[in-house]
PDB file of all heavy atoms in Angstrom:
ATOM      1  N   ILE A   1     -39.486  21.935 118.605  1.00  0.00           N
ATOM      2  CA  ILE A   1     -38.471  21.927 119.647  1.00  0.00           C
ATOM      3  C   ILE A   1     -37.820  20.555 119.737  1.00  0.00           C
ATOM      4  O   ILE A   1     -38.489  19.533 119.579  1.00  0.00           O
ATOM      5  CB  ILE A   1     -39.096  22.347 120.994  1.00  0.00           C
ATOM      6  CG1 ILE A   1     -38.055  22.497 122.082  1.00  0.00           C
ATOM      7  CG2 ILE A   1     -40.200  21.402 121.415  1.00  0.00           C
ATOM      8  CD1 ILE A   1     -38.564  23.256 123.291  1.00  0.00           C
ATOM      9  N   THR A   2     -36.519  20.555 119.947  1.00  0.00           N
ATOM     10  CA  THR A   2     -35.756  19.327 120.161  1.00  0.00           C
ATOM     11  C   THR A   2     -35.008  19.454 121.474  1.00  0.00           C
ATOM     12  O   THR A   2     -34.367  20.475 121.722  1.00  0.00           O
ATOM     13  CB  THR A   2     -34.747  19.076 119.023  1.00  0.00           C
ATOM     14  OG1 THR A   2     -35.457  18.859 117.818  1.00  0.00           O
ATOM     15  CG2 THR A   2     -33.875  17.867 119.304  1.00  0.00           C
ATOM     16  N   VAL A   3     -35.118  18.439 122.306  1.00  0.00           N
ATOM     17  CA  VAL A   3     -34.325  18.387 123.530  1.00  0.00           C
ATOM     18  C   VAL A   3     -33.350  17.232 123.387  1.00  0.00           C
ATOM     19  O   VAL A   3     -33.678  16.173 122.853  1.00  0.00           O
ATOM     20  CB  VAL A   3     -35.198  18.247 124.806  1.00  0.00           C
ATOM     21  CG1 VAL A   3     -36.068  17.013 124.756  1.00  0.00           C
ATOM     22  CG2 VAL A   3     -34.340  18.235 126.063  1.00  0.00           C
ATOM     23  N   THR A   4     -32.120  17.474 123.846  1.00  0.00           N
ATOM     24  CA  THR A   4     -31.054  16.479 123.799  1.00  0.00           C
ATOM     25  C   THR A   4     -30.524  16.264 125.206  1.00  0.00           C
ATOM     26  O   THR A   4     -30.315  17.231 125.953  1.00  0.00           O
ATOM     27  CB  THR A   4     -29.897  16.973 122.910  1.00  0.00           C
ATOM     28  OG1 THR A   4     -30.419  17.305 121.621  1.00  0.00           O
ATOM     29  CG2 THR A   4     -28.815  15.925 122.766  1.00  0.00           C
ATOM     30  N   ASN A   5     -30.326  15.003 125.557  1.00  0.00           N
ATOM     31  CA  ASN A   5     -29.666  14.642 126.815  1.00  0.00           C
ATOM     32  C   ASN A   5     -28.724  13.499 126.473  1.00  0.00           C
ATOM     33  O   ASN A   5     -29.177  12.402 126.128  1.00  0.00           O
ATOM     34  CB  ASN A   5     -30.696  14.223 127.868  1.00  0.00           C
ATOM     35  CG  ASN A   5     -30.039  13.889 129.200  1.00  0.00           C
ATOM     36  OD1 ASN A   5     -29.263  12.957 129.294  1.00  0.00           O
ATOM     37  ND2 ASN A   5     -30.366  14.655 130.230  1.00  0.00           N
ATOM     38  N   GLY A   6     -27.426  13.771 126.502  1.00  0.00           N
ATOM     39  CA  GLY A   6     -26.452  12.762 126.090  1.00  0.00           C
ATOM     40  C   GLY A   6     -26.652  12.417 124.622  1.00  0.00           C
ATOM     41  O   GLY A   6     -26.642  13.295 123.765  1.00  0.00           O
ATOM     42  N   THR A   7     -26.900  11.138 124.336  1.00  0.00           N
ATOM     43  CA  THR A   7     -27.119  10.706 122.956  1.00  0.00           C
ATOM     44  C   THR A   7     -28.598  10.474 122.662  1.00  0.00           C
ATOM     45  O   THR A   7     -28.940   9.907 121.622  1.00  0.00           O
ATOM     46  CB  THR A   7     -26.337   9.413 122.666  1.00  0.00           C
ATOM     47  OG1 THR A   7     -26.758   8.392 123.583  1.00  0.00           O
ATOM     48  CG2 THR A   7     -24.831   9.646 122.789  1.00  0.00           C
ATOM     49  N   ASP A   8     -29.496  10.907 123.562  1.00  0.00           N
ATOM     50  CA  ASP A   8     -30.939  10.769 123.362  1.00  0.00           C
ATOM     51  C   ASP A   8     -31.537  12.071 122.850  1.00  0.00           C
ATOM     52  O   ASP A   8     -31.119  13.167 123.255  1.00  0.00           O
ATOM     53  CB  ASP A   8     -31.636  10.383 124.671  1.00  0.00           C
ATOM     54  CG  ASP A   8     -31.260   8.994 125.131  1.00  0.00           C
ATOM     55  OD1 ASP A   8     -30.986   8.136 124.268  1.00  0.00           O
ATOM     56  OD2 ASP A   8     -31.242   8.762 126.354  1.00  0.00           O
ATOM     57  N   TYR A   9     -32.537  11.937 121.949  1.00  0.00           N
ATOM     58  CA  TYR A   9     -33.186  13.092 121.330  1.00  0.00           C
ATOM     59  C   TYR A   9     -34.699  12.941 121.408  1.00  0.00           C
ATOM     60  O   TYR A   9     -35.222  11.830 121.362  1.00  0.00           O
ATOM     61  CB  TYR A   9     -32.788  13.204 119.843  1.00  0.00           C
ATOM     62  CG  TYR A   9     -31.303  13.330 119.645  1.00  0.00           C
ATOM     63  CD1 TYR A   9     -30.501  12.208 119.463  1.00  0.00           C
ATOM     64  CD2 TYR A   9     -30.702  14.574 119.660  1.00  0.00           C
ATOM     65  CE1 TYR A   9     -29.134  12.323 119.302  1.00  0.00           C
ATOM     66  CE2 TYR A   9     -29.335  14.703 119.488  1.00  0.00           C
ATOM     67  CZ  TYR A   9     -28.557  13.576 119.315  1.00  0.00           C
ATOM     68  OH  TYR A   9     -27.207  13.695 119.153  1.00  0.00           O
ATOM     69  N   HIS A  10     -35.387  14.076 121.511  1.00  0.00           N
ATOM     70  CA  HIS A  10     -36.853  14.092 121.530  1.00  0.00           C
ATOM     71  C   HIS A  10     -37.291  15.379 120.819  1.00  0.00           C
ATOM     72  O   HIS A  10     -36.909  16.481 121.216  1.00  0.00           O
ATOM     73  CB  HIS A  10     -37.346  14.079 122.973  1.00  0.00           C
ATOM     74  CG  HIS A  10     -38.820  14.042 123.116  1.00  0.00           C
ATOM     75  ND1 HIS A  10     -39.441  14.234 124.327  1.00  0.00           N
ATOM     76  CD2 HIS A  10     -39.821  13.844 122.228  1.00  0.00           C
ATOM     77  CE1 HIS A  10     -40.749  14.140 124.181  1.00  0.00           C
ATOM     78  NE2 HIS A  10     -41.002  13.914 122.902  1.00  0.00           N
ATOM     79  N   THR A  11     -38.090  15.238 119.765  1.00  0.00           N
ATOM     80  CA  THR A  11     -38.556  16.377 118.971  1.00  0.00           C
ATOM     81  C   THR A  11     -40.072  16.393 118.959  1.00  0.00           C
ATOM     82  O   THR A  11     -40.710  15.339 118.889  1.00  0.00           O
ATOM     83  CB  THR A  11     -38.031  16.282 117.529  1.00  0.00           C
ATOM     84  OG1 THR A  11     -36.600  16.249 117.571  1.00  0.00           O
ATOM     85  CG2 THR A  11     -38.484  17.466 116.688  1.00  0.00           C
ATOM     86  N   MET A  12     -40.665  17.600 119.013  1.00  0.00           N
ATOM     87  CA  MET A  12     -42.122  17.721 118.979  1.00  0.00           C
ATOM     88  C   MET A  12     -42.538  19.123 118.566  1.00  0.00           C
ATOM     89  O   MET A  12     -41.717  20.036 118.503  1.00  0.00           O
ATOM     90  CB  MET A  12     -42.729  17.377 120.337  1.00  0.00           C
ATOM     91  CG  MET A  12     -42.382  18.380 121.415  1.00  0.00           C
ATOM     92  SD  MET A  12     -43.070  18.021 123.050  1.00  0.00           S
ATOM     93  CE  MET A  12     -44.121  16.667 122.819  1.00  0.00           C
ATOM     94  N   HIS A  13     -43.830  19.253 118.293  1.00  0.00           N
ATOM     95  CA  HIS A  13     -44.456  20.549 118.049  1.00  0.00           C
ATOM     96  C   HIS A  13     -45.244  20.928 119.299  1.00  0.00           C
ATOM     97  O   HIS A  13     -45.857  20.070 119.931  1.00  0.00           O
ATOM     98  CB  HIS A  13     -45.427  20.487 116.864  1.00  0.00           C
ATOM     99  CG  HIS A  13     -44.752  20.439 115.538  1.00  0.00           C
ATOM    100  ND1 HIS A  13     -44.590  21.553 114.756  1.00  0.00           N
ATOM    101  CD2 HIS A  13     -44.194  19.416 114.855  1.00  0.00           C
ATOM    102  CE1 HIS A  13     -43.969  21.214 113.645  1.00  0.00           C
ATOM    103  NE2 HIS A  13     -43.715  19.923 113.682  1.00  0.00           N
ATOM    104  N   ILE A  14     -45.239  22.213 119.616  1.00  0.00           N
ATOM    105  CA  ILE A  14     -46.003  22.754 120.745  1.00  0.00           C
ATOM    106  C   ILE A  14     -46.676  24.032 120.278  1.00  0.00           C
ATOM    107  O   ILE A  14     -46.049  24.868 119.618  1.00  0.00           O
ATOM    108  CB  ILE A  14     -45.088  23.060 121.943  1.00  0.00           C
ATOM    109  CG1 ILE A  14     -44.473  21.753 122.487  1.00  0.00           C
ATOM    110  CG2 ILE A  14     -45.844  23.802 123.038  1.00  0.00           C
ATOM    111  CD1 ILE A  14     -43.434  21.972 123.563  1.00  0.00           C
ATOM    112  N   VAL A  15     -47.959  24.202 120.623  1.00  0.00           N
ATOM    113  CA  VAL A  15     -48.687  25.444 120.355  1.00  0.00           C
ATOM    114  C   VAL A  15     -49.197  25.976 121.687  1.00  0.00           C
ATOM    115  O   VAL A  15     -49.730  25.227 122.507  1.00  0.00           O
ATOM    116  CB  VAL A  15     -49.861  25.214 119.373  1.00  0.00           C
ATOM    117  CG1 VAL A  15     -50.676  26.490 119.211  1.00  0.00           C
ATOM    118  CG2 VAL A  15     -49.349  24.726 118.032  1.00  0.00           C
ATOM    119  N   ILE A  16     -49.011  27.276 121.880  1.00  0.00           N
ATOM    120  CA  ILE A  16     -49.488  27.970 123.080  1.00  0.00           C
ATOM    121  C   ILE A  16     -50.361  29.134 122.642  1.00  0.00           C
ATOM    122  O   ILE A  16     -50.011  29.857 121.705  1.00  0.00           O
ATOM    123  CB  ILE A  16     -48.320  28.520 123.927  1.00  0.00           C
ATOM    124  CG1 ILE A  16     -47.419  27.389 124.410  1.00  0.00           C
ATOM    125  CG2 ILE A  16     -48.841  29.350 125.101  1.00  0.00           C
ATOM    126  CD1 ILE A  16     -46.144  27.870 125.073  1.00  0.00           C
ATOM    127  N   GLN A  17     -51.488  29.319 123.330  1.00  0.00           N
ATOM    128  CA  GLN A  17     -52.284  30.537 123.177  1.00  0.00           C
ATOM    129  C   GLN A  17     -52.662  30.999 124.580  1.00  0.00           C
ATOM    130  O   GLN A  17     -52.617  30.222 125.530  1.00  0.00           O
ATOM    131  CB  GLN A  17     -53.537  30.304 122.335  1.00  0.00           C
ATOM    132  CG  GLN A  17     -54.606  29.499 123.033  1.00  0.00           C
ATOM    133  CD  GLN A  17     -55.900  29.465 122.247  1.00  0.00           C
ATOM    134  OE1 GLN A  17     -55.950  29.842 121.088  1.00  0.00           O
ATOM    135  NE2 GLN A  17     -56.946  29.003 122.885  1.00  0.00           N
ATOM    136  N   HIS A  18     -53.025  32.279 124.689  1.00  0.00           N
ATOM    137  CA  HIS A  18     -53.392  32.799 126.005  1.00  0.00           C
ATOM    138  C   HIS A  18     -54.519  33.818 125.863  1.00  0.00           C
ATOM    139  O   HIS A  18     -54.779  34.353 124.782  1.00  0.00           O
ATOM    140  CB  HIS A  18     -52.186  33.431 126.696  1.00  0.00           C
ATOM    141  CG  HIS A  18     -51.779  34.744 126.097  1.00  0.00           C
ATOM    142  ND1 HIS A  18     -52.294  35.940 126.513  1.00  0.00           N
ATOM    143  CD2 HIS A  18     -50.923  35.028 125.090  1.00  0.00           C
ATOM    144  CE1 HIS A  18     -51.775  36.919 125.797  1.00  0.00           C
ATOM    145  NE2 HIS A  18     -50.934  36.382 124.913  1.00  0.00           N
ATOM    146  N   ASP A  19     -55.198  34.070 126.982  1.00  0.00           N
ATOM    147  CA  ASP A  19     -56.274  35.059 127.028  1.00  0.00           C
ATOM    148  C   ASP A  19     -55.907  36.267 127.886  1.00  0.00           C
ATOM    149  O   ASP A  19     -56.760  37.047 128.262  1.00  0.00           O
ATOM    150  CB  ASP A  19     -57.570  34.413 127.530  1.00  0.00           C
ATOM    151  CG  ASP A  19     -57.452  33.887 128.952  1.00  0.00           C
ATOM    152  OD1 ASP A  19     -56.418  34.120 129.623  1.00  0.00           O
ATOM    153  OD2 ASP A  19     -58.410  33.229 129.412  1.00  0.00           O
ATOM    154  N   GLY A  20     -54.638  36.400 128.203  1.00  0.00           N
ATOM    155  CA  GLY A  20     -54.170  37.490 129.051  1.00  0.00           C
ATOM    156  C   GLY A  20     -54.042  37.082 130.507  1.00  0.00           C
ATOM    157  O   GLY A  20     -53.329  37.718 131.275  1.00  0.00           O
ATOM    158  N   THR A  21     -54.728  36.007 130.897  1.00  0.00           N
ATOM    159  CA  THR A  21     -54.674  35.507 132.268  1.00  0.00           C
ATOM    160  C   THR A  21     -54.148  34.080 132.322  1.00  0.00           C
ATOM    161  O   THR A  21     -53.320  33.746 133.157  1.00  0.00           O
ATOM    162  CB  THR A  21     -56.078  35.547 132.921  1.00  0.00           C
ATOM    163  OG1 THR A  21     -56.559  36.892 132.858  1.00  0.00           O
ATOM    164  CG2 THR A  21     -56.030  35.096 134.366  1.00  0.00           C
ATOM    165  N   ASN A  22     -54.650  33.253 131.425  1.00  0.00           N
ATOM    166  CA  ASN A  22     -54.274  31.836 131.388  1.00  0.00           C
ATOM    167  C   ASN A  22     -53.634  31.495 130.049  1.00  0.00           C
ATOM    168  O   ASN A  22     -54.030  32.026 129.018  1.00  0.00           O
ATOM    169  CB  ASN A  22     -55.505  30.950 131.583  1.00  0.00           C
ATOM    170  CG  ASN A  22     -56.169  31.206 132.909  1.00  0.00           C
ATOM    171  OD1 ASN A  22     -55.562  31.039 133.959  1.00  0.00           O
ATOM    172  ND2 ASN A  22     -57.426  31.628 132.876  1.00  0.00           N
ATOM    173  N   ALA A  23     -52.678  30.573 130.106  1.00  0.00           N
ATOM    174  CA  ALA A  23     -52.025  30.087 128.887  1.00  0.00           C
ATOM    175  C   ALA A  23     -52.414  28.627 128.684  1.00  0.00           C
ATOM    176  O   ALA A  23     -52.381  27.832 129.626  1.00  0.00           O
ATOM    177  CB  ALA A  23     -50.514  30.218 129.005  1.00  0.00           C
ATOM    178  N   ASP A  24     -52.809  28.301 127.462  1.00  0.00           N
ATOM    179  CA  ASP A  24     -53.162  26.931 127.099  1.00  0.00           C
ATOM    180  C   ASP A  24     -52.073  26.366 126.198  1.00  0.00           C
ATOM    181  O   ASP A  24     -51.515  27.085 125.364  1.00  0.00           O
ATOM    182  CB  ASP A  24     -54.500  26.900 126.356  1.00  0.00           C
ATOM    183  CG  ASP A  24     -55.631  27.460 127.209  1.00  0.00           C
ATOM    184  OD1 ASP A  24     -55.785  26.987 128.347  1.00  0.00           O
ATOM    185  OD2 ASP A  24     -56.334  28.364 126.728  1.00  0.00           O
ATOM    186  N   ILE A  25     -51.800  25.073 126.357  1.00  0.00           N
ATOM    187  CA  ILE A  25     -50.718  24.442 125.601  1.00  0.00           C
ATOM    188  C   ILE A  25     -51.200  23.102 125.056  1.00  0.00           C
ATOM    189  O   ILE A  25     -51.978  22.400 125.707  1.00  0.00           O
ATOM    190  CB  ILE A  25     -49.473  24.250 126.506  1.00  0.00           C
ATOM    191  CG1 ILE A  25     -48.281  23.690 125.713  1.00  0.00           C
ATOM    192  CG2 ILE A  25     -49.782  23.403 127.717  1.00  0.00           C
ATOM    193  CD1 ILE A  25     -46.973  23.683 126.493  1.00  0.00           C
ATOM    194  N   ILE A  26     -50.752  22.784 123.841  1.00  0.00           N
ATOM    195  CA  ILE A  26     -50.986  21.466 123.258  1.00  0.00           C
ATOM    196  C   ILE A  26     -49.682  20.991 122.643  1.00  0.00           C
ATOM    197  O   ILE A  26     -48.935  21.789 122.074  1.00  0.00           O
ATOM    198  CB  ILE A  26     -52.138  21.469 122.228  1.00  0.00           C
ATOM    199  CG1 ILE A  26     -52.480  20.042 121.808  1.00  0.00           C
ATOM    200  CG2 ILE A  26     -51.806  22.336 121.034  1.00  0.00           C
ATOM    201  CD1 ILE A  26     -53.768  19.927 121.028  1.00  0.00           C
ATOM    202  N   GLN A  27     -49.417  19.698 122.796  1.00  0.00           N
ATOM    203  CA  GLN A  27     -48.221  19.077 122.254  1.00  0.00           C
ATOM    204  C   GLN A  27     -48.642  18.014 121.253  1.00  0.00           C
ATOM    205  O   GLN A  27     -49.614  17.301 121.481  1.00  0.00           O
ATOM    206  CB  GLN A  27     -47.425  18.414 123.368  1.00  0.00           C
ATOM    207  CG  GLN A  27     -47.095  19.359 124.511  1.00  0.00           C
ATOM    208  CD  GLN A  27     -46.560  18.613 125.717  1.00  0.00           C
ATOM    209  OE1 GLN A  27     -45.613  17.863 125.602  1.00  0.00           O
ATOM    210  NE2 GLN A  27     -47.170  18.824 126.860  1.00  0.00           N
ATOM    211  N   PHE A  28     -47.911  17.907 120.150  1.00  0.00           N
ATOM    212  CA  PHE A  28     -48.245  16.901 119.145  1.00  0.00           C
ATOM    213  C   PHE A  28     -47.012  16.592 118.306  1.00  0.00           C
ATOM    214  O   PHE A  28     -45.982  17.249 118.443  1.00  0.00           O
ATOM    215  CB  PHE A  28     -49.426  17.346 118.275  1.00  0.00           C
ATOM    216  CG  PHE A  28     -49.191  18.631 117.524  1.00  0.00           C
ATOM    217  CD1 PHE A  28     -48.783  18.616 116.209  1.00  0.00           C
ATOM    218  CD2 PHE A  28     -49.380  19.855 118.150  1.00  0.00           C
ATOM    219  CE1 PHE A  28     -48.564  19.795 115.522  1.00  0.00           C
ATOM    220  CE2 PHE A  28     -49.167  21.044 117.465  1.00  0.00           C
ATOM    221  CZ  PHE A  28     -48.756  21.018 116.149  1.00  0.00           C
ATOM    222  N   ALA A  29     -47.138  15.592 117.461  1.00  0.00           N
ATOM    223  CA  ALA A  29     -46.057  15.181 116.558  1.00  0.00           C
ATOM    224  C   ALA A  29     -44.768  14.906 117.327  1.00  0.00           C
ATOM    225  O   ALA A  29     -43.692  15.331 116.945  1.00  0.00           O
ATOM    226  CB  ALA A  29     -45.840  16.229 115.464  1.00  0.00           C
ATOM    227  N   SER A  30     -44.910  14.171 118.420  1.00  0.00           N
ATOM    228  CA  SER A  30     -43.764  13.839 119.258  1.00  0.00           C
ATOM    229  C   SER A  30     -43.052  12.593 118.738  1.00  0.00           C
ATOM    230  O   SER A  30     -43.685  11.590 118.422  1.00  0.00           O
ATOM    231  CB  SER A  30     -44.255  13.598 120.694  1.00  0.00           C
ATOM    232  OG  SER A  30     -43.187  13.242 121.537  1.00  0.00           O
ATOM    233  N   ILE A  31     -41.734  12.684 118.646  1.00  0.00           N
ATOM    234  CA  ILE A  31     -40.926  11.543 118.216  1.00  0.00           C
ATOM    235  C   ILE A  31     -39.649  11.534 119.048  1.00  0.00           C
ATOM    236  O   ILE A  31     -39.067  12.588 119.322  1.00  0.00           O
ATOM    237  CB  ILE A  31     -40.627  11.600 116.695  1.00  0.00           C
ATOM    238  CG1 ILE A  31     -39.945  10.333 116.229  1.00  0.00           C
ATOM    239  CG2 ILE A  31     -39.845  12.835 116.328  1.00  0.00           C
ATOM    240  CD1 ILE A  31     -39.862  10.204 114.715  1.00  0.00           C
ATOM    241  N   PHE A  32     -39.241  10.339 119.485  1.00  0.00           N
ATOM    242  CA  PHE A  32     -38.025  10.221 120.288  1.00  0.00           C
ATOM    243  C   PHE A  32     -37.334   8.915 119.965  1.00  0.00           C
ATOM    244  O   PHE A  32     -37.942   7.983 119.439  1.00  0.00           O
ATOM    245  CB  PHE A  32     -38.326  10.325 121.783  1.00  0.00           C
ATOM    246  CG  PHE A  32     -39.464   9.465 122.252  1.00  0.00           C
ATOM    247  CD1 PHE A  32     -39.270   8.135 122.577  1.00  0.00           C
ATOM    248  CD2 PHE A  32     -40.738  10.002 122.355  1.00  0.00           C
ATOM    249  CE1 PHE A  32     -40.323   7.355 123.016  1.00  0.00           C
ATOM    250  CE2 PHE A  32     -41.795   9.238 122.799  1.00  0.00           C
ATOM    251  CZ  PHE A  32     -41.582   7.894 123.126  1.00  0.00           C
ATOM    252  N   ASP A  33     -36.038   8.838 120.282  1.00  0.00           N
ATOM    253  CA  ASP A  33     -35.272   7.642 119.950  1.00  0.00           C
ATOM    254  C   ASP A  33     -35.223   6.627 121.078  1.00  0.00           C
ATOM    255  O   ASP A  33     -35.010   5.451 120.843  1.00  0.00           O
ATOM    256  CB  ASP A  33     -33.853   8.009 119.491  1.00  0.00           C
ATOM    257  CG  ASP A  33     -33.024   8.660 120.572  1.00  0.00           C
ATOM    258  OD1 ASP A  33     -33.582   9.107 121.584  1.00  0.00           O
ATOM    259  OD2 ASP A  33     -31.795   8.731 120.407  1.00  0.00           O
ATOM    260  N   ASN A  34     -35.423   7.039 122.314  1.00  0.00           N
ATOM    261  CA  ASN A  34     -35.317   6.121 123.438  1.00  0.00           C
ATOM    262  C   ASN A  34     -36.487   6.295 124.405  1.00  0.00           C
ATOM    263  O   ASN A  34     -37.140   5.324 124.754  1.00  0.00           O
ATOM    264  CB  ASN A  34     -33.986   6.317 124.158  1.00  0.00           C
ATOM    265  CG  ASN A  34     -33.710   5.235 125.175  1.00  0.00           C
ATOM    266  OD1 ASN A  34     -34.242   4.142 125.101  1.00  0.00           O
ATOM    267  ND2 ASN A  34     -32.867   5.543 126.142  1.00  0.00           N
ATOM    268  N   ALA A  35     -36.746   7.521 124.819  1.00  0.00           N
ATOM    269  CA  ALA A  35     -37.840   7.829 125.744  1.00  0.00           C
ATOM    270  C   ALA A  35     -38.109   9.322 125.682  1.00  0.00           C
ATOM    271  O   ALA A  35     -37.260  10.100 125.235  1.00  0.00           O
ATOM    272  CB  ALA A  35     -37.470   7.430 127.168  1.00  0.00           C
ATOM    273  N   GLU A  36     -39.303   9.730 126.130  1.00  0.00           N
ATOM    274  CA  GLU A  36     -39.594  11.159 126.217  1.00  0.00           C
ATOM    275  C   GLU A  36     -38.612  11.805 127.188  1.00  0.00           C
ATOM    276  O   GLU A  36     -38.374  11.279 128.275  1.00  0.00           O
ATOM    277  CB  GLU A  36     -41.023  11.394 126.704  1.00  0.00           C
ATOM    278  CG  GLU A  36     -42.067  11.017 125.686  1.00  0.00           C
ATOM    279  CD  GLU A  36     -43.460  11.372 126.148  1.00  0.00           C
ATOM    280  OE1 GLU A  36     -43.794  11.097 127.321  1.00  0.00           O
ATOM    281  OE2 GLU A  36     -44.200  11.929 125.333  1.00  0.00           O
ATOM    282  N   LEU A  37     -38.054  12.932 126.790  1.00  0.00           N
ATOM    283  CA  LEU A  37     -37.017  13.568 127.596  1.00  0.00           C
ATOM    284  C   LEU A  37     -37.519  14.722 128.453  1.00  0.00           C
ATOM    285  O   LEU A  37     -36.786  15.188 129.327  1.00  0.00           O
ATOM    286  CB  LEU A  37     -35.878  14.056 126.700  1.00  0.00           C
ATOM    287  CG  LEU A  37     -35.093  12.957 125.986  1.00  0.00           C
ATOM    288  CD1 LEU A  37     -33.976  13.570 125.162  1.00  0.00           C
ATOM    289  CD2 LEU A  37     -34.552  11.933 126.972  1.00  0.00           C
ATOM    290  N   ALA A  38     -38.757  15.196 128.199  1.00  0.00           N
ATOM    291  CA  ALA A  38     -39.272  16.312 128.984  1.00  0.00           C
ATOM    292  C   ALA A  38     -40.783  16.388 128.849  1.00  0.00           C
ATOM    293  O   ALA A  38     -41.348  15.915 127.863  1.00  0.00           O
ATOM    294  CB  ALA A  38     -38.637  17.635 128.542  1.00  0.00           C
TER     295      ALA A  38
END
């Protein structure tokens, strides 16, 4: 996923799994040009 705000960019990988009730999330391989955008 890549998020853009103006001329700033932030790209990362996200994995989600769930058990039918709860969803688990992990974020990795994050790269940005100025700051994390989300």
